[in-house]
Every structure is written in C-alpha cells, then in structure tokens.
Protein backbone atom coordinates (compact mmCIF):
# COMPACT_ATOMS: atom_id res chain seq x y z
CA MET A 1 -100.84 104.64 63.88
CA LEU A 2 -103.01 102.48 61.65
CA GLN A 3 -102.00 102.52 58.02
CA VAL A 4 -104.30 101.12 55.38
CA ASP A 5 -102.99 100.51 51.87
CA THR A 6 -105.65 100.50 49.21
CA VAL A 7 -105.50 99.72 45.54
CA VAL A 8 -106.91 102.52 43.41
CA PRO A 9 -108.20 101.57 39.95
CA PRO A 10 -106.30 103.18 37.04
CA MET A 11 -109.36 105.09 35.82
CA LEU A 12 -109.81 106.63 39.26
CA GLN A 13 -106.12 107.54 39.35
CA LEU A 14 -106.52 109.33 36.01
CA PHE A 15 -109.51 111.25 37.37
CA PHE A 16 -107.55 112.27 40.47
CA LYS A 17 -104.58 113.45 38.40
CA LEU A 18 -106.78 115.48 36.07
CA SER A 19 -108.71 117.04 38.94
CA ILE A 20 -105.47 118.03 40.64
CA GLN A 21 -104.14 119.71 37.49
CA ILE A 22 -107.24 121.85 37.01
CA LYS A 23 -107.55 122.78 40.70
CA GLY A 24 -105.59 126.03 40.38
CA PRO A 25 -107.54 127.52 37.47
CA ILE A 26 -110.85 126.33 38.93
CA SER A 27 -110.15 127.97 42.27
CA ARG A 28 -109.15 131.29 40.70
CA PHE A 29 -112.03 131.30 38.22
CA GLY A 30 -114.51 130.31 40.94
CA ASP A 31 -113.33 133.07 43.26
CA THR A 32 -113.63 135.69 40.54
CA ALA A 33 -116.97 134.40 39.27
CA ALA A 34 -118.48 134.20 42.76
CA ASN A 35 -117.25 137.68 43.63
CA ALA A 36 -118.42 139.29 40.39
CA GLY A 37 -121.69 137.34 40.37
CA VAL A 38 -122.75 138.41 43.83
CA LEU A 39 -121.79 142.02 43.15
CA ALA A 40 -123.85 141.92 39.94
CA LEU A 41 -126.83 140.39 41.76
CA LEU A 42 -126.71 143.02 44.48
CA ALA A 43 -126.06 145.99 42.16
CA PRO A 44 -129.74 146.99 41.70
CA TYR A 45 -130.33 147.12 45.46
CA ASP A 46 -129.50 150.14 47.56
CA LEU A 47 -127.21 148.41 50.04
CA PRO A 48 -124.01 149.68 51.65
CA VAL A 49 -120.87 148.85 49.69
CA ALA A 50 -119.43 147.07 52.73
CA LEU A 51 -122.39 144.69 52.82
CA LYS A 52 -122.12 143.96 49.09
CA THR A 53 -118.39 143.35 49.38
CA GLY A 54 -118.88 141.14 52.43
CA ALA A 55 -121.46 139.03 50.62
CA ALA A 56 -119.18 138.72 47.59
CA SER A 57 -116.25 137.68 49.79
CA ALA A 58 -118.43 135.14 51.59
CA ALA A 59 -119.45 133.63 48.24
CA ALA A 60 -115.80 133.40 47.16
CA GLY A 61 -114.93 131.77 50.48
CA GLY A 62 -117.82 129.35 50.06
CA TRP A 63 -116.43 128.36 46.67
CA ARG A 64 -113.01 127.68 48.24
CA ILE A 65 -114.66 125.52 50.92
CA PHE A 66 -116.58 123.64 48.23
CA ILE A 67 -113.38 122.71 46.35
CA MET A 68 -111.28 122.02 49.46
CA PRO A 69 -111.52 118.20 49.11
CA ILE A 70 -109.59 118.44 45.82
CA ASP A 71 -106.83 120.36 47.58
CA ALA A 72 -106.74 117.82 50.41
CA LEU A 73 -106.50 115.00 47.89
CA LYS A 74 -103.65 116.75 46.10
CA THR A 75 -101.72 117.12 49.34
CA THR A 76 -102.36 113.50 50.31
CA LEU A 77 -101.14 112.19 46.99
CA GLN A 78 -98.00 114.35 47.18
CA VAL A 79 -97.17 113.02 50.64
CA LYS A 80 -97.69 109.38 49.64
CA LYS A 81 -95.14 109.59 46.79
C-alpha cells in the first residue's frame, strides 16, 4: 500500500479542526432546515402527504451528502492520530 505523508500548513489545520467541531450542529440544523423548508415550499400545493414527506426527506439526504466530505475528513484525521 502506498503511503504519502504530506505537510499541512497550520492555517489549514486550524480550518480543518474548526470544520470538524461544527460538523454535528451543521448536520442537524441542515437536516431540519431542509425538511422544514421543502414542506413549507410544498404546503400551498395539493399534493399527497407521502410525496411532500418524500421530497423533504430527499432534501435532508441531499444535505447530508453535501457535507459528507467533512465527515470523511474527520474520520481520516482521527485514524491518523
């Protein structure tokens, strides 16, 4: 297995540490905001509740996919220590 050691500048390390610490609240807030936002956007339309809920869940899942690189970085940094 090829292992590459890189030197990370201190400012970038600080950014990584801060982004890891706010990952939990960002993921929870993003899930809630995406869910509530989509339900609010679809409220005026006469759509089945299952469709509205499915769209809201898809938006929340999309948010989780969007922030997944932060979670992967957190795991990588934990393993390297």
